[in-house]
């Protein structure tokens, strides 16, 4: 069976990941490299594991998490769909069975809020894991004076935690935001659709989604 470690050792995949992150840097986007991909892979795996899904499903979620942004090597626009096609090419070449392959590529194709939907458990875990990675360490613009709203929101987040309570069936995203850099309303201005997608994803996993910012529950 194809594992996350197999995927990480694939030199072609690695080239697409590095180049995709490089191209996004040229365009002024936040970090989408190894830090983000490894965190999303780990978080997606953790979500399904803690909710009692099978070890293999959790492994597929980790693989989808590691590959979900690979389409950025082609274009930022519709990168979920192009990434799914790339993942199909790479994973089929590595011998992944069709049933697993379809699960992974559908998750990748559905991780963006513009058109994504939690079509399966792997997709749901990927959505929550990806959208919960908001943190100042992702900002690559060194000039605070030229920050756009995405830079400000990410830079304002000092701590981000995601917890899964299998007993209460809750998935909680907790943020600590410096409101001198970014008011809470500004966070919602650009991330409301992402939070709505997270809620749908959590509901697919038979969980409630909770958002806590600076100690106040907002969702």
N, C-alpha and C. Protein backbone atom coordinates (compact mmCIF):
# COMPACT_ATOMS: atom_id res chain seq x y z
N UNK A 1 0.84 -1.20 0.00
CA UNK A 1 0.00 0.00 0.00
C UNK A 1 0.87 1.25 0.00
N UNK A 2 0.45 2.25 -0.74
CA UNK A 2 1.18 3.52 -0.80
C UNK A 2 1.01 4.24 0.54
N UNK A 3 2.11 4.70 1.10
CA UNK A 3 2.08 5.41 2.37
C UNK A 3 2.53 6.86 2.19
N UNK A 4 2.33 7.65 3.22
CA UNK A 4 2.78 9.04 3.19
C UNK A 4 4.29 9.11 2.98
N UNK A 5 5.02 8.21 3.60
CA UNK A 5 6.48 8.21 3.45
C UNK A 5 6.88 7.91 2.02
N UNK A 6 6.14 7.02 1.35
CA UNK A 6 6.40 6.77 -0.08
C UNK A 6 6.22 8.04 -0.89
N UNK A 7 5.16 8.76 -0.60
CA UNK A 7 4.87 10.00 -1.31
C UNK A 7 5.98 11.02 -1.08
N UNK A 8 6.44 11.14 0.14
CA UNK A 8 7.49 12.11 0.46
C UNK A 8 8.81 11.79 -0.25
N UNK A 9 9.03 10.50 -0.52
CA UNK A 9 10.28 10.10 -1.16
C UNK A 9 10.25 10.25 -2.69
N UNK A 10 9.08 10.56 -3.25
CA UNK A 10 8.95 10.68 -4.70
C UNK A 10 9.55 12.01 -5.17
N UNK A 11 10.59 11.94 -5.97
CA UNK A 11 11.32 13.15 -6.36
C UNK A 11 10.49 14.06 -7.27
N UNK A 12 9.63 13.48 -8.10
CA UNK A 12 8.78 14.30 -8.96
C UNK A 12 7.79 15.12 -8.12
N UNK A 13 7.16 14.45 -7.16
CA UNK A 13 6.23 15.14 -6.26
C UNK A 13 6.95 16.25 -5.52
N UNK A 14 8.14 15.96 -5.05
CA UNK A 14 8.90 16.96 -4.29
C UNK A 14 9.20 18.19 -5.14
N UNK A 15 9.51 17.97 -6.41
CA UNK A 15 9.79 19.11 -7.29
C UNK A 15 8.55 19.99 -7.47
N UNK A 16 7.38 19.36 -7.62
CA UNK A 16 6.15 20.13 -7.79
C UNK A 16 5.81 20.91 -6.52
N UNK A 17 6.05 20.31 -5.37
CA UNK A 17 5.79 20.99 -4.10
C UNK A 17 6.70 22.21 -3.95
N UNK A 18 7.99 22.03 -4.21
CA UNK A 18 8.93 23.13 -4.06
C UNK A 18 8.65 24.27 -5.04
N UNK A 19 8.37 23.90 -6.29
CA UNK A 19 8.12 24.92 -7.30
C UNK A 19 6.79 25.64 -7.04
N UNK A 20 5.78 24.90 -6.62
CA UNK A 20 4.50 25.52 -6.31
C UNK A 20 4.62 26.56 -5.22
N UNK A 21 5.36 26.23 -4.17
CA UNK A 21 5.56 27.18 -3.08
C UNK A 21 6.39 28.37 -3.54
N UNK A 22 7.36 28.12 -4.40
CA UNK A 22 8.18 29.20 -4.95
C UNK A 22 7.34 30.16 -5.78
N UNK A 23 6.48 29.62 -6.63
CA UNK A 23 5.65 30.46 -7.50
C UNK A 23 4.68 31.30 -6.67
N UNK A 24 4.11 30.72 -5.61
CA UNK A 24 3.19 31.48 -4.76
C UNK A 24 3.93 32.61 -4.05
N UNK A 25 5.19 32.37 -3.71
CA UNK A 25 5.99 33.42 -3.10
C UNK A 25 6.17 34.60 -4.04
N UNK A 26 6.38 34.32 -5.32
CA UNK A 26 6.51 35.37 -6.32
C UNK A 26 5.22 36.18 -6.40
N UNK A 27 4.09 35.51 -6.24
CA UNK A 27 2.79 36.18 -6.32
C UNK A 27 2.39 36.87 -5.02
N UNK A 28 3.19 36.67 -3.96
CA UNK A 28 2.91 37.33 -2.69
C UNK A 28 2.03 36.56 -1.73
N UNK A 29 1.84 35.25 -1.99
CA UNK A 29 1.00 34.45 -1.11
C UNK A 29 1.80 33.95 0.10
N UNK A 30 1.06 33.53 1.12
CA UNK A 30 1.68 32.97 2.31
C UNK A 30 2.34 31.63 2.00
N UNK A 31 3.08 31.12 2.97
CA UNK A 31 3.83 29.87 2.82
C UNK A 31 2.90 28.69 2.55
N UNK A 32 3.25 27.92 1.52
CA UNK A 32 2.53 26.69 1.18
C UNK A 32 3.52 25.54 0.95
N UNK A 33 4.61 25.55 1.72
CA UNK A 33 5.66 24.55 1.55
C UNK A 33 5.58 23.42 2.55
N UNK A 34 6.76 22.88 2.90
CA UNK A 34 6.82 21.69 3.74
C UNK A 34 6.16 21.89 5.10
N UNK A 35 6.34 23.08 5.69
CA UNK A 35 5.75 23.31 7.01
C UNK A 35 4.24 23.14 6.95
N UNK A 36 3.61 23.83 5.99
CA UNK A 36 2.16 23.77 5.86
C UNK A 36 1.69 22.36 5.51
N UNK A 37 2.35 21.73 4.55
CA UNK A 37 1.90 20.42 4.08
C UNK A 37 2.05 19.35 5.15
N UNK A 38 3.15 19.36 5.87
CA UNK A 38 3.34 18.37 6.93
C UNK A 38 2.35 18.58 8.07
N UNK A 39 2.07 19.84 8.39
CA UNK A 39 1.10 20.12 9.45
C UNK A 39 -0.29 19.68 9.05
N UNK A 40 -0.70 19.98 7.81
CA UNK A 40 -2.03 19.59 7.35
C UNK A 40 -2.14 18.07 7.29
N UNK A 41 -1.10 17.40 6.82
CA UNK A 41 -1.12 15.94 6.76
C UNK A 41 -1.27 15.34 8.16
N UNK A 42 -0.50 15.86 9.11
CA UNK A 42 -0.56 15.35 10.48
C UNK A 42 -1.91 15.62 11.12
N UNK A 43 -2.44 16.82 10.89
CA UNK A 43 -3.72 17.18 11.50
C UNK A 43 -4.87 16.37 10.91
N UNK A 44 -4.86 16.18 9.59
CA UNK A 44 -5.91 15.40 8.94
C UNK A 44 -5.90 13.96 9.46
N UNK A 45 -4.70 13.41 9.61
CA UNK A 45 -4.58 12.05 10.16
C UNK A 45 -5.12 12.00 11.59
N UNK A 46 -4.76 13.00 12.38
CA UNK A 46 -5.17 13.04 13.78
C UNK A 46 -6.69 13.14 13.91
N UNK A 47 -7.32 13.94 13.07
CA UNK A 47 -8.78 14.11 13.14
C UNK A 47 -9.48 12.78 12.97
N UNK A 48 -9.12 12.04 11.91
CA UNK A 48 -9.81 10.77 11.66
C UNK A 48 -9.45 9.71 12.70
N UNK A 49 -8.20 9.72 13.14
CA UNK A 49 -7.79 8.75 14.17
C UNK A 49 -8.57 8.96 15.45
N UNK A 50 -8.68 10.21 15.89
CA UNK A 50 -9.36 10.50 17.15
C UNK A 50 -10.86 10.27 17.06
N UNK A 51 -11.41 10.31 15.85
CA UNK A 51 -12.85 10.08 15.69
C UNK A 51 -13.16 8.61 15.41
N UNK A 52 -12.14 7.77 15.44
CA UNK A 52 -12.38 6.33 15.34
C UNK A 52 -12.40 5.75 13.95
N UNK A 53 -11.94 6.50 12.96
CA UNK A 53 -11.87 5.95 11.61
C UNK A 53 -10.69 4.99 11.50
N UNK A 54 -10.67 4.21 10.44
CA UNK A 54 -9.64 3.18 10.30
C UNK A 54 -8.26 3.82 10.09
N UNK A 55 -7.24 3.04 10.38
CA UNK A 55 -5.87 3.51 10.21
C UNK A 55 -5.58 3.84 8.75
N UNK A 56 -6.16 3.06 7.84
CA UNK A 56 -5.92 3.32 6.42
C UNK A 56 -6.60 4.61 5.96
N UNK A 57 -7.81 4.86 6.43
CA UNK A 57 -8.47 6.12 6.10
C UNK A 57 -7.66 7.31 6.60
N UNK A 58 -7.12 7.17 7.81
CA UNK A 58 -6.29 8.23 8.37
C UNK A 58 -5.03 8.44 7.54
N UNK A 59 -4.46 7.34 7.03
CA UNK A 59 -3.27 7.43 6.18
C UNK A 59 -3.61 8.13 4.86
N UNK A 60 -4.76 7.80 4.29
CA UNK A 60 -5.18 8.47 3.05
C UNK A 60 -5.40 9.97 3.28
N UNK A 61 -5.93 10.33 4.45
CA UNK A 61 -6.12 11.74 4.79
C UNK A 61 -4.77 12.44 4.88
N UNK A 62 -3.77 11.75 5.44
CA UNK A 62 -2.43 12.33 5.53
C UNK A 62 -1.83 12.52 4.14
N UNK A 63 -2.03 11.55 3.26
CA UNK A 63 -1.52 11.66 1.89
C UNK A 63 -2.20 12.82 1.17
N UNK A 64 -3.52 12.91 1.30
CA UNK A 64 -4.25 14.03 0.67
C UNK A 64 -3.78 15.36 1.25
N UNK A 65 -3.54 15.40 2.55
CA UNK A 65 -3.06 16.62 3.18
C UNK A 65 -1.71 17.06 2.66
N UNK A 66 -0.83 16.09 2.41
CA UNK A 66 0.51 16.42 1.92
C UNK A 66 0.48 16.89 0.46
N UNK A 67 -0.49 16.37 -0.30
CA UNK A 67 -0.54 16.66 -1.74
C UNK A 67 -1.53 17.76 -2.12
N UNK A 68 -2.31 18.27 -1.16
CA UNK A 68 -3.47 19.08 -1.53
C UNK A 68 -3.12 20.37 -2.28
N UNK A 69 -1.92 20.90 -2.10
CA UNK A 69 -1.56 22.16 -2.75
C UNK A 69 -0.63 21.98 -3.94
N UNK A 70 -0.48 20.75 -4.41
CA UNK A 70 0.49 20.48 -5.47
C UNK A 70 0.12 21.18 -6.77
N UNK A 71 -1.16 21.47 -6.95
CA UNK A 71 -1.62 22.16 -8.16
C UNK A 71 -1.11 23.58 -8.29
N UNK A 72 -0.60 24.15 -7.21
CA UNK A 72 -0.05 25.51 -7.27
C UNK A 72 1.15 25.59 -8.22
N UNK A 73 1.76 24.45 -8.52
CA UNK A 73 2.87 24.44 -9.47
C UNK A 73 2.38 24.77 -10.88
N UNK A 74 1.09 24.59 -11.12
CA UNK A 74 0.50 24.92 -12.42
C UNK A 74 -0.10 26.32 -12.38
N UNK A 75 -0.99 26.56 -11.41
CA UNK A 75 -1.61 27.87 -11.25
C UNK A 75 -2.32 27.92 -9.91
N UNK A 76 -2.39 29.11 -9.34
CA UNK A 76 -3.16 29.28 -8.11
C UNK A 76 -4.65 29.10 -8.39
N UNK A 77 -5.09 29.53 -9.54
CA UNK A 77 -6.50 29.40 -9.89
C UNK A 77 -6.88 27.93 -10.07
N UNK A 78 -7.94 27.52 -9.37
CA UNK A 78 -8.43 26.14 -9.45
C UNK A 78 -7.34 25.12 -9.13
N UNK A 79 -6.46 25.46 -8.20
CA UNK A 79 -5.34 24.56 -7.91
C UNK A 79 -5.79 23.25 -7.26
N UNK A 80 -6.99 23.25 -6.67
CA UNK A 80 -7.50 22.00 -6.13
C UNK A 80 -7.78 20.98 -7.22
N UNK A 81 -8.36 21.45 -8.32
CA UNK A 81 -8.70 20.56 -9.43
C UNK A 81 -7.44 20.12 -10.17
N UNK A 82 -6.55 21.06 -10.48
CA UNK A 82 -5.32 20.67 -11.16
C UNK A 82 -4.46 19.78 -10.26
N UNK A 83 -4.51 20.04 -8.95
CA UNK A 83 -3.76 19.21 -8.01
C UNK A 83 -4.30 17.79 -7.96
N UNK A 84 -5.62 17.65 -8.06
CA UNK A 84 -6.22 16.31 -8.07
C UNK A 84 -5.76 15.53 -9.29
N UNK A 85 -5.67 16.19 -10.44
CA UNK A 85 -5.22 15.52 -11.66
C UNK A 85 -3.75 15.12 -11.56
N UNK A 86 -2.94 15.99 -10.97
CA UNK A 86 -1.53 15.65 -10.76
C UNK A 86 -1.41 14.48 -9.78
N UNK A 87 -2.18 14.52 -8.71
CA UNK A 87 -2.13 13.44 -7.72
C UNK A 87 -2.55 12.12 -8.35
N UNK A 88 -3.55 12.15 -9.24
CA UNK A 88 -3.96 10.94 -9.95
C UNK A 88 -2.78 10.36 -10.72
N UNK A 89 -2.08 11.22 -11.44
CA UNK A 89 -0.93 10.77 -12.24
C UNK A 89 0.15 10.16 -11.35
N UNK A 90 0.50 10.85 -10.28
CA UNK A 90 1.58 10.37 -9.42
C UNK A 90 1.19 9.10 -8.65
N UNK A 91 0.02 9.11 -8.03
CA UNK A 91 -0.37 8.00 -7.17
C UNK A 91 -0.72 6.74 -7.96
N UNK A 92 -1.31 6.92 -9.14
CA UNK A 92 -1.57 5.74 -9.97
C UNK A 92 -0.26 5.12 -10.43
N UNK A 93 0.73 5.97 -10.72
CA UNK A 93 2.04 5.47 -11.10
C UNK A 93 2.74 4.74 -9.97
N UNK A 94 2.37 5.09 -8.73
CA UNK A 94 2.96 4.41 -7.56
C UNK A 94 2.19 3.15 -7.20
N UNK A 95 1.09 2.88 -7.91
CA UNK A 95 0.35 1.63 -7.68
C UNK A 95 -0.77 1.72 -6.67
N UNK A 96 -1.26 2.90 -6.36
CA UNK A 96 -2.37 3.01 -5.42
C UNK A 96 -3.63 2.42 -6.05
N UNK A 97 -4.38 1.59 -5.33
CA UNK A 97 -5.61 1.01 -5.86
C UNK A 97 -6.64 2.09 -6.22
N UNK A 98 -7.47 1.77 -7.22
CA UNK A 98 -8.41 2.76 -7.75
C UNK A 98 -9.34 3.32 -6.68
N UNK A 99 -9.84 2.46 -5.79
CA UNK A 99 -10.78 2.90 -4.76
C UNK A 99 -10.14 3.95 -3.85
N UNK A 100 -8.89 3.73 -3.46
CA UNK A 100 -8.19 4.70 -2.62
C UNK A 100 -7.83 5.95 -3.42
N UNK A 101 -7.43 5.74 -4.66
CA UNK A 101 -7.03 6.84 -5.52
C UNK A 101 -8.16 7.85 -5.70
N UNK A 102 -9.35 7.34 -5.96
CA UNK A 102 -10.51 8.21 -6.14
C UNK A 102 -10.81 8.99 -4.86
N UNK A 103 -10.67 8.34 -3.72
CA UNK A 103 -10.91 9.01 -2.43
C UNK A 103 -9.96 10.17 -2.23
N UNK A 104 -8.68 9.95 -2.51
CA UNK A 104 -7.67 10.99 -2.30
C UNK A 104 -7.85 12.16 -3.26
N UNK A 105 -8.04 11.87 -4.54
CA UNK A 105 -8.11 12.98 -5.50
C UNK A 105 -9.41 13.78 -5.35
N UNK A 106 -10.49 13.13 -4.93
CA UNK A 106 -11.72 13.88 -4.70
C UNK A 106 -11.57 14.80 -3.49
N UNK A 107 -10.81 14.36 -2.50
CA UNK A 107 -10.54 15.21 -1.34
C UNK A 107 -9.73 16.43 -1.75
N UNK A 108 -8.69 16.22 -2.55
CA UNK A 108 -7.85 17.33 -3.00
C UNK A 108 -8.66 18.31 -3.84
N UNK A 109 -9.50 17.78 -4.73
CA UNK A 109 -10.30 18.64 -5.62
C UNK A 109 -11.33 19.45 -4.87
N UNK A 110 -11.68 19.03 -3.64
CA UNK A 110 -12.75 19.69 -2.89
C UNK A 110 -12.27 20.44 -1.65
N UNK A 111 -10.98 20.79 -1.59
CA UNK A 111 -10.50 21.42 -0.36
C UNK A 111 -10.62 22.94 -0.36
N UNK A 112 -10.93 23.56 -1.50
CA UNK A 112 -11.02 25.01 -1.56
C UNK A 112 -12.45 25.49 -1.34
N UNK A 113 -12.59 26.61 -0.64
CA UNK A 113 -13.92 27.07 -0.24
C UNK A 113 -14.75 27.59 -1.42
N UNK A 114 -14.10 27.94 -2.52
CA UNK A 114 -14.86 28.47 -3.66
C UNK A 114 -15.81 27.43 -4.26
N UNK A 115 -15.42 26.16 -4.20
CA UNK A 115 -16.25 25.12 -4.82
C UNK A 115 -16.20 23.79 -4.07
N UNK A 116 -15.46 23.71 -2.99
CA UNK A 116 -15.26 22.43 -2.31
C UNK A 116 -16.44 21.98 -1.46
N UNK A 117 -16.51 20.67 -1.29
CA UNK A 117 -17.53 20.06 -0.46
C UNK A 117 -16.94 18.83 0.24
N UNK A 118 -17.35 18.54 1.45
CA UNK A 118 -16.86 17.33 2.15
C UNK A 118 -17.54 16.08 1.59
N UNK A 119 -17.02 15.56 0.49
CA UNK A 119 -17.67 14.44 -0.19
C UNK A 119 -17.37 13.09 0.45
N UNK A 120 -16.33 13.03 1.28
CA UNK A 120 -16.01 11.81 2.01
C UNK A 120 -15.24 12.19 3.27
N UNK A 121 -14.94 11.22 4.10
CA UNK A 121 -14.30 11.50 5.38
C UNK A 121 -12.90 12.08 5.19
N UNK A 122 -12.19 11.63 4.18
CA UNK A 122 -10.85 12.15 3.91
C UNK A 122 -10.93 13.62 3.51
N UNK A 123 -11.89 13.95 2.65
CA UNK A 123 -12.08 15.35 2.24
C UNK A 123 -12.44 16.22 3.44
N UNK A 124 -13.32 15.72 4.30
CA UNK A 124 -13.74 16.49 5.47
C UNK A 124 -12.56 16.79 6.39
N UNK A 125 -11.74 15.77 6.64
CA UNK A 125 -10.58 15.96 7.50
C UNK A 125 -9.58 16.92 6.88
N UNK A 126 -9.38 16.81 5.56
CA UNK A 126 -8.46 17.70 4.87
C UNK A 126 -8.93 19.14 4.94
N UNK A 127 -10.20 19.37 4.73
CA UNK A 127 -10.74 20.74 4.77
C UNK A 127 -10.46 21.39 6.12
N UNK A 128 -10.80 20.70 7.19
CA UNK A 128 -10.61 21.28 8.53
C UNK A 128 -9.12 21.50 8.82
N UNK A 129 -8.30 20.52 8.46
CA UNK A 129 -6.86 20.62 8.72
C UNK A 129 -6.25 21.79 7.96
N UNK A 130 -6.63 21.96 6.71
CA UNK A 130 -6.07 23.02 5.88
C UNK A 130 -6.50 24.40 6.38
N UNK A 131 -7.78 24.57 6.63
CA UNK A 131 -8.30 25.88 6.99
C UNK A 131 -7.92 26.29 8.42
N UNK A 132 -7.49 25.35 9.22
CA UNK A 132 -7.11 25.68 10.60
C UNK A 132 -5.67 26.16 10.70
N UNK A 133 -4.91 26.08 9.61
CA UNK A 133 -3.51 26.53 9.65
C UNK A 133 -3.44 28.01 9.33
N UNK A 134 -3.74 28.81 10.32
CA UNK A 134 -3.64 30.27 10.23
C UNK A 134 -2.63 30.70 11.28
N UNK A 135 -1.53 31.31 10.85
CA UNK A 135 -0.50 31.67 11.83
C UNK A 135 0.50 32.65 11.21
N UNK A 136 1.08 33.49 12.04
CA UNK A 136 2.00 34.51 11.55
C UNK A 136 3.24 33.93 10.88
N UNK A 137 3.61 32.70 11.23
CA UNK A 137 4.80 32.09 10.63
C UNK A 137 4.62 31.83 9.13
N UNK A 138 3.40 31.91 8.63
CA UNK A 138 3.16 31.66 7.20
C UNK A 138 3.38 32.92 6.35
N UNK A 139 3.47 34.07 6.99
CA UNK A 139 3.61 35.33 6.24
C UNK A 139 5.04 35.46 5.73
N UNK A 140 5.19 35.70 4.43
CA UNK A 140 6.52 35.80 3.83
C UNK A 140 6.90 37.24 3.48
N UNK A 141 5.94 38.13 3.51
CA UNK A 141 6.22 39.53 3.20
C UNK A 141 6.96 40.18 4.37
N UNK A 142 8.19 40.64 4.18
CA UNK A 142 8.96 41.20 5.30
C UNK A 142 8.58 42.64 5.65
N UNK A 143 7.77 43.28 4.81
CA UNK A 143 7.46 44.70 4.99
C UNK A 143 6.03 44.85 5.52
N UNK A 144 5.91 45.10 6.82
CA UNK A 144 4.60 45.22 7.44
C UNK A 144 3.75 46.32 6.80
N UNK A 145 4.40 47.37 6.33
CA UNK A 145 3.67 48.50 5.75
C UNK A 145 2.94 48.12 4.47
N UNK A 146 3.38 47.05 3.82
CA UNK A 146 2.75 46.65 2.56
C UNK A 146 1.87 45.40 2.72
N UNK A 147 1.58 45.00 3.95
CA UNK A 147 0.73 43.83 4.18
C UNK A 147 -0.64 44.03 3.53
N UNK A 148 -1.12 43.00 2.84
CA UNK A 148 -2.52 43.01 2.43
C UNK A 148 -3.34 42.37 3.55
N UNK A 149 -4.64 42.22 3.34
CA UNK A 149 -5.50 41.73 4.41
C UNK A 149 -5.14 40.29 4.80
N UNK A 150 -4.72 39.47 3.84
CA UNK A 150 -4.34 38.09 4.15
C UNK A 150 -3.08 38.06 5.02
N UNK A 151 -2.11 38.93 4.69
CA UNK A 151 -0.91 39.02 5.52
C UNK A 151 -1.26 39.45 6.94
N UNK A 152 -2.12 40.48 7.06
CA UNK A 152 -2.47 41.00 8.38
C UNK A 152 -3.18 39.94 9.22
N UNK A 153 -4.13 39.25 8.61
CA UNK A 153 -4.89 38.26 9.37
C UNK A 153 -3.97 37.14 9.86
N UNK A 154 -3.14 36.63 8.98
CA UNK A 154 -2.24 35.55 9.38
C UNK A 154 -1.22 36.03 10.41
N UNK A 155 -0.67 37.24 10.19
CA UNK A 155 0.34 37.74 11.12
C UNK A 155 -0.25 38.04 12.50
N UNK A 156 -1.52 38.38 12.54
CA UNK A 156 -2.16 38.70 13.82
C UNK A 156 -2.37 37.47 14.69
N UNK A 157 -2.40 36.28 14.08
CA UNK A 157 -2.68 35.06 14.84
C UNK A 157 -1.40 34.61 15.55
N UNK A 158 -1.40 34.73 16.87
CA UNK A 158 -0.24 34.36 17.68
C UNK A 158 -0.23 32.88 18.02
N UNK A 159 -1.42 32.31 18.22
CA UNK A 159 -1.52 30.88 18.52
C UNK A 159 -2.77 30.33 17.83
N UNK A 160 -2.67 29.11 17.33
CA UNK A 160 -3.81 28.43 16.72
C UNK A 160 -3.82 26.99 17.19
N UNK A 161 -4.95 26.56 17.72
CA UNK A 161 -5.08 25.19 18.24
C UNK A 161 -6.31 24.54 17.61
N UNK A 162 -6.18 23.26 17.29
CA UNK A 162 -7.33 22.49 16.83
C UNK A 162 -7.46 21.27 17.73
N UNK A 163 -8.62 21.12 18.36
CA UNK A 163 -8.83 19.99 19.25
C UNK A 163 -10.06 19.21 18.80
N UNK A 164 -9.97 17.90 18.95
CA UNK A 164 -11.06 16.99 18.59
C UNK A 164 -11.51 16.28 19.86
N UNK A 165 -12.80 16.38 20.17
CA UNK A 165 -13.37 15.68 21.32
C UNK A 165 -14.30 14.60 20.79
N UNK A 166 -13.82 13.37 20.81
CA UNK A 166 -14.60 12.27 20.23
C UNK A 166 -15.84 11.96 21.05
N UNK A 167 -15.79 12.22 22.36
CA UNK A 167 -16.94 11.96 23.22
C UNK A 167 -18.07 12.92 22.96
N UNK A 168 -17.73 14.21 22.90
CA UNK A 168 -18.74 15.25 22.64
C UNK A 168 -18.99 15.45 21.15
N UNK A 169 -18.16 14.82 20.32
CA UNK A 169 -18.23 14.97 18.86
C UNK A 169 -18.13 16.45 18.48
N UNK A 170 -17.06 17.06 18.93
CA UNK A 170 -16.80 18.46 18.58
C UNK A 170 -15.40 18.59 17.99
N UNK A 171 -15.27 19.51 17.06
CA UNK A 171 -13.98 19.92 16.53
C UNK A 171 -13.87 21.41 16.78
N UNK A 172 -12.88 21.80 17.57
CA UNK A 172 -12.78 23.19 18.02
C UNK A 172 -11.50 23.84 17.51
N UNK A 173 -11.67 24.96 16.85
CA UNK A 173 -10.54 25.78 16.42
C UNK A 173 -10.45 26.98 17.34
N UNK A 174 -9.32 27.10 17.99
CA UNK A 174 -9.13 28.18 18.96
C UNK A 174 -7.96 29.05 18.52
N UNK A 175 -8.21 30.35 18.41
CA UNK A 175 -7.20 31.30 17.96
C UNK A 175 -6.95 32.37 19.02
N UNK A 176 -5.70 32.80 19.09
CA UNK A 176 -5.35 33.99 19.87
C UNK A 176 -4.87 35.03 18.86
N UNK A 177 -5.63 36.12 18.75
CA UNK A 177 -5.37 37.15 17.74
C UNK A 177 -4.98 38.46 18.40
N UNK A 178 -3.94 39.09 17.87
CA UNK A 178 -3.57 40.44 18.30
C UNK A 178 -4.50 41.42 17.58
N UNK A 179 -5.47 41.95 18.30
CA UNK A 179 -6.48 42.80 17.66
C UNK A 179 -5.92 44.17 17.29
N UNK A 180 -4.71 44.49 17.72
CA UNK A 180 -4.08 45.73 17.29
C UNK A 180 -3.57 45.61 15.85
N UNK A 181 -3.37 44.37 15.41
CA UNK A 181 -2.93 44.13 14.04
C UNK A 181 -4.12 43.85 13.14
N UNK A 182 -5.06 43.08 13.65
CA UNK A 182 -6.22 42.68 12.86
C UNK A 182 -7.44 42.54 13.75
N UNK A 183 -8.45 43.36 13.58
CA UNK A 183 -9.69 43.18 14.35
C UNK A 183 -10.33 41.84 14.00
N UNK A 184 -11.08 41.30 14.95
CA UNK A 184 -11.76 40.03 14.71
C UNK A 184 -12.67 40.11 13.49
N UNK A 185 -13.31 41.24 13.29
CA UNK A 185 -14.19 41.40 12.13
C UNK A 185 -13.43 41.24 10.83
N UNK A 186 -12.20 41.69 10.79
CA UNK A 186 -11.40 41.56 9.57
C UNK A 186 -11.08 40.10 9.29
N UNK A 187 -10.88 39.32 10.37
CA UNK A 187 -10.69 37.87 10.21
C UNK A 187 -11.89 37.26 9.50
N UNK A 188 -13.08 37.63 9.96
CA UNK A 188 -14.29 37.08 9.36
C UNK A 188 -14.51 37.59 7.93
N UNK A 189 -14.00 38.77 7.66
CA UNK A 189 -14.19 39.35 6.34
C UNK A 189 -13.63 38.45 5.24
N UNK A 190 -12.49 37.82 5.50
CA UNK A 190 -11.90 36.98 4.46
C UNK A 190 -12.04 35.49 4.75
N UNK A 191 -12.34 35.12 6.00
CA UNK A 191 -12.36 33.70 6.34
C UNK A 191 -13.75 33.15 6.65
N UNK A 192 -14.79 33.96 6.47
CA UNK A 192 -16.14 33.47 6.79
C UNK A 192 -16.51 32.25 5.95
N UNK A 193 -16.21 32.31 4.64
CA UNK A 193 -16.55 31.16 3.78
C UNK A 193 -15.73 29.94 4.17
N UNK A 194 -14.51 30.14 4.64
CA UNK A 194 -13.69 29.01 5.08
C UNK A 194 -14.27 28.37 6.34
N UNK A 195 -14.74 29.20 7.25
CA UNK A 195 -15.32 28.67 8.47
C UNK A 195 -16.64 27.93 8.19
N UNK A 196 -17.40 28.45 7.22
CA UNK A 196 -18.64 27.77 6.83
C UNK A 196 -18.33 26.40 6.24
N UNK A 197 -17.26 26.31 5.45
CA UNK A 197 -16.85 25.02 4.88
C UNK A 197 -16.37 24.08 5.98
N UNK A 198 -15.65 24.62 6.97
CA UNK A 198 -15.22 23.79 8.10
C UNK A 198 -16.42 23.22 8.86
N UNK A 199 -17.45 24.02 9.01
CA UNK A 199 -18.63 23.57 9.71
C UNK A 199 -19.31 22.42 8.95
N UNK A 200 -19.38 22.57 7.62
CA UNK A 200 -19.96 21.48 6.82
C UNK A 200 -19.11 20.23 6.91
N UNK A 201 -17.80 20.41 6.91
CA UNK A 201 -16.89 19.26 7.00
C UNK A 201 -17.04 18.55 8.35
N UNK A 202 -17.09 19.34 9.42
CA UNK A 202 -17.28 18.74 10.75
C UNK A 202 -18.61 18.00 10.83
N UNK A 203 -19.65 18.59 10.26
CA UNK A 203 -20.97 17.93 10.27
C UNK A 203 -20.93 16.62 9.51
N UNK A 204 -20.15 16.56 8.43
CA UNK A 204 -20.02 15.30 7.68
C UNK A 204 -19.43 14.21 8.57
N UNK A 205 -18.54 14.62 9.48
CA UNK A 205 -17.91 13.68 10.41
C UNK A 205 -18.74 13.50 11.68
N UNK A 206 -20.01 13.95 11.62
CA UNK A 206 -20.93 13.86 12.76
C UNK A 206 -20.42 14.61 13.97
N UNK A 207 -19.83 15.77 13.71
CA UNK A 207 -19.31 16.63 14.77
C UNK A 207 -19.86 18.05 14.61
N UNK A 208 -19.83 18.79 15.70
CA UNK A 208 -20.10 20.22 15.66
C UNK A 208 -18.78 20.96 15.55
N UNK A 209 -18.77 22.04 14.77
CA UNK A 209 -17.57 22.86 14.63
C UNK A 209 -17.69 24.07 15.53
N UNK A 210 -16.65 24.32 16.32
CA UNK A 210 -16.62 25.46 17.23
C UNK A 210 -15.43 26.35 16.89
N UNK A 211 -15.65 27.65 16.92
CA UNK A 211 -14.58 28.62 16.71
C UNK A 211 -14.50 29.53 17.92
N UNK A 212 -13.33 29.55 18.53
CA UNK A 212 -13.10 30.38 19.71
C UNK A 212 -11.94 31.34 19.41
N UNK A 213 -12.20 32.63 19.53
CA UNK A 213 -11.17 33.65 19.29
C UNK A 213 -11.00 34.49 20.54
N UNK A 214 -9.78 34.51 21.05
CA UNK A 214 -9.46 35.27 22.27
C UNK A 214 -10.41 34.93 23.41
N UNK A 215 -10.72 33.65 23.53
CA UNK A 215 -11.53 33.16 24.64
C UNK A 215 -13.03 33.26 24.44
N UNK A 216 -13.49 33.86 23.35
CA UNK A 216 -14.92 34.01 23.11
C UNK A 216 -15.36 33.06 22.01
N UNK A 217 -16.42 32.31 22.29
CA UNK A 217 -16.91 31.40 21.28
C UNK A 217 -17.76 32.17 20.28
N UNK A 218 -17.40 32.06 19.00
CA UNK A 218 -18.08 32.79 17.92
C UNK A 218 -18.91 31.87 17.04
N UNK A 219 -18.59 30.59 17.02
CA UNK A 219 -19.39 29.60 16.30
C UNK A 219 -19.58 28.38 17.17
